[in-house]
Amino acid sequence: MDPQTLENLLAKGPDNAMLRFGLGKAWLDAGEAAKAAPHLQRCLEFDPGYSAAWKLLGKALAAVDDPDGARRAWRQGIEVAAGKGDKQAEKEMTVFLRRLDKAGSGPKTPT
């Protein structure tokens, strides 16, 4: 869905995790990571157990050159996913962390 359509929905109606996740994903898909990150952060305020939001938040932060923020988001997301048994999200975020570390951005993730 078009991010502006979702922004209009947010302006008119109730704020919730699903809408914020949709906005974050839509802005990220549109190449607007800086606009995506705050929506994903708000989504996680509503639902800190939303592993897919942690994954996208890490992607958004990495895209705006915040490797430390991305690393924190993915680490938190891995913990959440592991706690929920969401193996796919856990694996994906582990791969993203390894790639970030390989790129030489800051401290390494312990293996």
N, C-alpha and C. Protein backbone atom coordinates (compact mmCIF):
# COMPACT_ATOMS: atom_id res chain seq x y z
N MET A 1 0.84 -1.18 0.00
CA MET A 1 0.00 0.00 0.00
C MET A 1 0.88 1.24 0.00
N ASP A 2 0.38 2.27 -0.58
CA ASP A 2 1.07 3.56 -0.65
C ASP A 2 1.26 4.14 0.75
N PRO A 3 2.48 4.56 1.09
CA PRO A 3 2.70 5.07 2.44
C PRO A 3 1.85 6.30 2.77
N GLN A 4 1.57 7.14 1.77
CA GLN A 4 0.79 8.34 2.06
C GLN A 4 -0.65 7.98 2.42
N THR A 5 -1.19 6.94 1.80
CA THR A 5 -2.52 6.46 2.15
C THR A 5 -2.55 6.01 3.61
N LEU A 6 -1.52 5.31 4.02
CA LEU A 6 -1.43 4.86 5.41
C LEU A 6 -1.24 6.03 6.37
N GLU A 7 -0.47 7.03 5.95
CA GLU A 7 -0.30 8.24 6.78
C GLU A 7 -1.65 8.91 6.98
N ASN A 8 -2.47 8.94 5.93
CA ASN A 8 -3.80 9.54 6.04
C ASN A 8 -4.67 8.75 7.01
N LEU A 9 -4.57 7.42 6.97
CA LEU A 9 -5.31 6.59 7.91
C LEU A 9 -4.90 6.89 9.35
N LEU A 10 -3.60 7.04 9.56
CA LEU A 10 -3.08 7.33 10.89
C LEU A 10 -3.61 8.67 11.38
N ALA A 11 -3.67 9.66 10.49
CA ALA A 11 -4.15 10.99 10.86
C ALA A 11 -5.63 10.97 11.23
N LYS A 12 -6.39 10.06 10.63
CA LYS A 12 -7.83 10.01 10.84
C LYS A 12 -8.27 9.08 11.96
N GLY A 13 -7.49 8.06 12.20
CA GLY A 13 -8.00 7.01 13.08
C GLY A 13 -7.09 6.68 14.23
N PRO A 14 -7.40 5.57 14.88
CA PRO A 14 -6.60 5.14 16.03
C PRO A 14 -5.21 4.66 15.62
N ASP A 15 -4.30 4.87 16.52
CA ASP A 15 -2.91 4.47 16.33
C ASP A 15 -2.76 3.07 16.91
N ASN A 16 -2.08 2.17 16.18
CA ASN A 16 -1.86 0.82 16.70
C ASN A 16 -0.63 0.20 16.05
N ALA A 17 -0.21 -0.92 16.60
CA ALA A 17 1.01 -1.59 16.13
C ALA A 17 0.92 -1.99 14.66
N MET A 18 -0.22 -2.53 14.24
CA MET A 18 -0.35 -3.00 12.86
C MET A 18 -0.23 -1.85 11.86
N LEU A 19 -0.88 -0.74 12.15
CA LEU A 19 -0.79 0.42 11.25
C LEU A 19 0.64 0.95 11.21
N ARG A 20 1.26 1.04 12.36
CA ARG A 20 2.65 1.53 12.40
C ARG A 20 3.60 0.59 11.67
N PHE A 21 3.38 -0.72 11.80
CA PHE A 21 4.21 -1.67 11.07
C PHE A 21 4.00 -1.49 9.57
N GLY A 22 2.75 -1.36 9.15
CA GLY A 22 2.45 -1.14 7.74
C GLY A 22 3.10 0.12 7.20
N LEU A 23 3.05 1.18 7.98
CA LEU A 23 3.70 2.43 7.57
C LEU A 23 5.22 2.26 7.47
N GLY A 24 5.80 1.62 8.45
CA GLY A 24 7.25 1.41 8.41
C GLY A 24 7.65 0.59 7.21
N LYS A 25 6.92 -0.47 6.95
CA LYS A 25 7.23 -1.32 5.79
C LYS A 25 7.03 -0.56 4.49
N ALA A 26 5.93 0.18 4.38
CA ALA A 26 5.66 0.92 3.15
C ALA A 26 6.74 1.96 2.88
N TRP A 27 7.15 2.71 3.90
CA TRP A 27 8.21 3.70 3.70
C TRP A 27 9.54 3.02 3.38
N LEU A 28 9.83 1.91 4.02
CA LEU A 28 11.07 1.19 3.73
C LEU A 28 11.05 0.67 2.30
N ASP A 29 9.92 0.11 1.87
CA ASP A 29 9.79 -0.37 0.49
C ASP A 29 9.92 0.77 -0.53
N ALA A 30 9.53 1.97 -0.11
CA ALA A 30 9.61 3.15 -0.99
C ALA A 30 11.01 3.77 -0.97
N GLY A 31 11.92 3.17 -0.21
CA GLY A 31 13.29 3.69 -0.15
C GLY A 31 13.45 4.86 0.81
N GLU A 32 12.52 5.02 1.72
CA GLU A 32 12.53 6.13 2.68
C GLU A 32 12.76 5.60 4.10
N ALA A 33 13.94 5.07 4.33
CA ALA A 33 14.26 4.46 5.62
C ALA A 33 14.15 5.44 6.77
N ALA A 34 14.49 6.70 6.53
CA ALA A 34 14.41 7.70 7.60
C ALA A 34 12.97 7.93 8.04
N LYS A 35 12.03 7.77 7.14
CA LYS A 35 10.61 7.90 7.49
C LYS A 35 10.07 6.60 8.09
N ALA A 36 10.68 5.49 7.74
CA ALA A 36 10.23 4.19 8.22
C ALA A 36 10.59 3.97 9.69
N ALA A 37 11.79 4.34 10.08
CA ALA A 37 12.29 4.02 11.42
C ALA A 37 11.39 4.50 12.55
N PRO A 38 10.91 5.75 12.55
CA PRO A 38 10.07 6.18 13.67
C PRO A 38 8.76 5.40 13.78
N HIS A 39 8.19 5.00 12.66
CA HIS A 39 6.96 4.21 12.69
C HIS A 39 7.22 2.83 13.26
N LEU A 40 8.34 2.25 12.90
CA LEU A 40 8.68 0.92 13.43
C LEU A 40 8.99 1.00 14.92
N GLN A 41 9.64 2.07 15.34
CA GLN A 41 9.91 2.25 16.77
C GLN A 41 8.60 2.40 17.54
N ARG A 42 7.66 3.14 16.97
CA ARG A 42 6.34 3.31 17.62
C ARG A 42 5.59 1.98 17.65
N CYS A 43 5.69 1.21 16.58
CA CYS A 43 5.08 -0.12 16.54
C CYS A 43 5.57 -0.96 17.71
N LEU A 44 6.87 -0.90 17.95
CA LEU A 44 7.47 -1.70 19.01
C LEU A 44 7.14 -1.17 20.40
N GLU A 45 6.77 0.10 20.51
CA GLU A 45 6.28 0.62 21.78
C GLU A 45 4.92 -0.03 22.10
N PHE A 46 4.11 -0.20 21.06
CA PHE A 46 2.82 -0.87 21.22
C PHE A 46 3.01 -2.36 21.51
N ASP A 47 3.92 -2.99 20.77
CA ASP A 47 4.09 -4.45 20.87
C ASP A 47 5.56 -4.82 20.77
N PRO A 48 6.27 -4.84 21.90
CA PRO A 48 7.70 -5.17 21.88
C PRO A 48 8.00 -6.61 21.47
N GLY A 49 6.98 -7.43 21.36
CA GLY A 49 7.17 -8.81 20.94
C GLY A 49 6.96 -9.04 19.45
N TYR A 50 6.92 -7.98 18.68
CA TYR A 50 6.66 -8.05 17.23
C TYR A 50 8.00 -8.25 16.50
N SER A 51 8.41 -9.50 16.34
CA SER A 51 9.75 -9.79 15.80
C SER A 51 9.95 -9.24 14.38
N ALA A 52 8.92 -9.24 13.57
CA ALA A 52 9.06 -8.70 12.20
C ALA A 52 9.36 -7.20 12.24
N ALA A 53 8.82 -6.50 13.23
CA ALA A 53 9.10 -5.07 13.35
C ALA A 53 10.56 -4.83 13.76
N TRP A 54 11.08 -5.69 14.64
CA TRP A 54 12.50 -5.57 15.01
C TRP A 54 13.38 -5.76 13.78
N LYS A 55 13.01 -6.73 12.95
CA LYS A 55 13.80 -7.01 11.74
C LYS A 55 13.80 -5.78 10.82
N LEU A 56 12.63 -5.22 10.57
CA LEU A 56 12.56 -4.06 9.67
C LEU A 56 13.19 -2.82 10.29
N LEU A 57 13.06 -2.65 11.60
CA LEU A 57 13.71 -1.51 12.24
C LEU A 57 15.22 -1.60 12.05
N GLY A 58 15.79 -2.77 12.23
CA GLY A 58 17.23 -2.93 11.99
C GLY A 58 17.60 -2.58 10.56
N LYS A 59 16.79 -3.01 9.60
CA LYS A 59 17.05 -2.67 8.20
C LYS A 59 17.00 -1.16 7.97
N ALA A 60 15.98 -0.52 8.55
CA ALA A 60 15.84 0.93 8.38
C ALA A 60 17.03 1.66 8.99
N LEU A 61 17.43 1.27 10.18
CA LEU A 61 18.55 1.93 10.84
C LEU A 61 19.86 1.69 10.09
N ALA A 62 20.05 0.50 9.57
CA ALA A 62 21.25 0.24 8.77
C ALA A 62 21.25 1.11 7.52
N ALA A 63 20.08 1.30 6.93
CA ALA A 63 19.99 2.10 5.70
C ALA A 63 20.26 3.58 5.94
N VAL A 64 20.02 4.07 7.17
CA VAL A 64 20.30 5.48 7.47
C VAL A 64 21.66 5.63 8.16
N ASP A 65 22.51 4.64 7.99
CA ASP A 65 23.88 4.66 8.49
C ASP A 65 23.94 4.75 10.02
N ASP A 66 23.12 3.92 10.66
CA ASP A 66 23.16 3.79 12.12
C ASP A 66 23.41 2.31 12.44
N PRO A 67 24.64 1.84 12.19
CA PRO A 67 24.92 0.42 12.40
C PRO A 67 24.75 -0.02 13.85
N ASP A 68 25.06 0.86 14.81
CA ASP A 68 24.89 0.49 16.21
C ASP A 68 23.41 0.32 16.54
N GLY A 69 22.58 1.20 16.04
CA GLY A 69 21.14 1.09 16.25
C GLY A 69 20.59 -0.17 15.59
N ALA A 70 21.07 -0.45 14.38
CA ALA A 70 20.63 -1.66 13.67
C ALA A 70 21.03 -2.90 14.45
N ARG A 71 22.24 -2.89 14.95
CA ARG A 71 22.75 -4.02 15.73
C ARG A 71 21.89 -4.24 16.98
N ARG A 72 21.58 -3.15 17.69
CA ARG A 72 20.74 -3.26 18.89
C ARG A 72 19.35 -3.80 18.54
N ALA A 73 18.78 -3.29 17.45
CA ALA A 73 17.44 -3.74 17.04
C ALA A 73 17.45 -5.23 16.70
N TRP A 74 18.44 -5.65 15.94
CA TRP A 74 18.49 -7.07 15.56
C TRP A 74 18.77 -7.97 16.74
N ARG A 75 19.62 -7.54 17.65
CA ARG A 75 19.89 -8.36 18.85
C ARG A 75 18.61 -8.51 19.67
N GLN A 76 17.91 -7.40 19.86
CA GLN A 76 16.64 -7.46 20.60
C GLN A 76 15.65 -8.34 19.85
N GLY A 77 15.60 -8.18 18.54
CA GLY A 77 14.69 -8.98 17.72
C GLY A 77 14.99 -10.46 17.78
N ILE A 78 16.26 -10.80 17.82
CA ILE A 78 16.66 -12.21 17.93
C ILE A 78 16.17 -12.79 19.26
N GLU A 79 16.32 -12.01 20.34
CA GLU A 79 15.83 -12.48 21.64
C GLU A 79 14.32 -12.69 21.62
N VAL A 80 13.61 -11.72 21.04
CA VAL A 80 12.15 -11.81 20.96
C VAL A 80 11.74 -13.02 20.12
N ALA A 81 12.36 -13.15 18.95
CA ALA A 81 12.01 -14.25 18.06
C ALA A 81 12.30 -15.60 18.70
N ALA A 82 13.44 -15.71 19.36
CA ALA A 82 13.80 -16.96 20.02
C ALA A 82 12.79 -17.30 21.12
N GLY A 83 12.37 -16.28 21.85
CA GLY A 83 11.41 -16.49 22.92
C GLY A 83 10.04 -16.93 22.42
N LYS A 84 9.72 -16.54 21.19
CA LYS A 84 8.42 -16.89 20.61
C LYS A 84 8.50 -18.13 19.73
N GLY A 85 9.71 -18.63 19.51
CA GLY A 85 9.88 -19.78 18.62
C GLY A 85 9.80 -19.41 17.16
N ASP A 86 10.02 -18.13 16.84
CA ASP A 86 9.98 -17.64 15.46
C ASP A 86 11.37 -17.84 14.84
N LYS A 87 11.63 -19.09 14.45
CA LYS A 87 12.96 -19.47 13.97
C LYS A 87 13.37 -18.72 12.70
N GLN A 88 12.44 -18.49 11.78
CA GLN A 88 12.79 -17.82 10.52
C GLN A 88 13.28 -16.40 10.78
N ALA A 89 12.55 -15.63 11.57
CA ALA A 89 12.96 -14.26 11.88
C ALA A 89 14.29 -14.27 12.62
N GLU A 90 14.46 -15.21 13.54
CA GLU A 90 15.70 -15.32 14.29
C GLU A 90 16.88 -15.56 13.35
N LYS A 91 16.71 -16.47 12.40
CA LYS A 91 17.78 -16.77 11.43
C LYS A 91 18.08 -15.56 10.55
N GLU A 92 17.04 -14.90 10.06
CA GLU A 92 17.25 -13.75 9.18
C GLU A 92 18.02 -12.65 9.90
N MET A 93 17.62 -12.32 11.12
CA MET A 93 18.31 -11.25 11.84
C MET A 93 19.74 -11.64 12.20
N THR A 94 19.98 -12.91 12.45
CA THR A 94 21.35 -13.38 12.71
C THR A 94 22.21 -13.17 11.47
N VAL A 95 21.66 -13.47 10.31
CA VAL A 95 22.39 -13.24 9.05
C VAL A 95 22.67 -11.76 8.85
N PHE A 96 21.67 -10.90 9.11
CA PHE A 96 21.86 -9.46 8.96
C PHE A 96 22.96 -8.95 9.88
N LEU A 97 22.99 -9.45 11.11
CA LEU A 97 24.05 -9.05 12.05
C LEU A 97 25.43 -9.46 11.55
N ARG A 98 25.52 -10.68 11.05
CA ARG A 98 26.81 -11.15 10.54
C ARG A 98 27.28 -10.30 9.36
N ARG A 99 26.36 -9.96 8.48
CA ARG A 99 26.72 -9.12 7.33
C ARG A 99 27.19 -7.74 7.79
N LEU A 100 26.50 -7.19 8.77
CA LEU A 100 26.88 -5.89 9.29
C LEU A 100 28.27 -5.95 9.90
N ASP A 101 28.54 -7.00 10.66
CA ASP A 101 29.87 -7.17 11.26
C ASP A 101 30.95 -7.37 10.20
N LYS A 102 30.61 -8.11 9.15
CA LYS A 102 31.58 -8.34 8.08
C LYS A 102 31.94 -7.04 7.37
N ALA A 103 30.99 -6.13 7.31
CA ALA A 103 31.22 -4.84 6.65
C ALA A 103 32.14 -3.96 7.48
N GLY A 104 32.45 -4.40 8.72
CA GLY A 104 33.40 -3.65 9.54
C GLY A 104 32.79 -2.48 10.27
N SER A 105 31.50 -2.51 10.52
CA SER A 105 30.82 -1.40 11.19
C SER A 105 30.76 -1.62 12.68
N GLY A 106 31.77 -1.18 13.39
CA GLY A 106 31.74 -1.21 14.84
C GLY A 106 32.13 -2.55 15.44
N PRO A 107 31.75 -2.73 16.71
CA PRO A 107 32.16 -3.95 17.43
C PRO A 107 31.51 -5.20 16.85
N LYS A 108 32.23 -6.26 16.96
CA LYS A 108 31.76 -7.54 16.39
C LYS A 108 30.78 -8.21 17.31
N THR A 109 29.86 -8.95 16.68
CA THR A 109 28.90 -9.75 17.43
C THR A 109 29.59 -11.04 17.86
N PRO A 110 29.51 -11.39 19.15
CA PRO A 110 30.13 -12.64 19.59
C PRO A 110 29.42 -13.83 18.94
N THR A 111 30.20 -14.84 18.58
CA THR A 111 29.61 -16.02 17.94
C THR A 111 29.53 -17.17 18.89
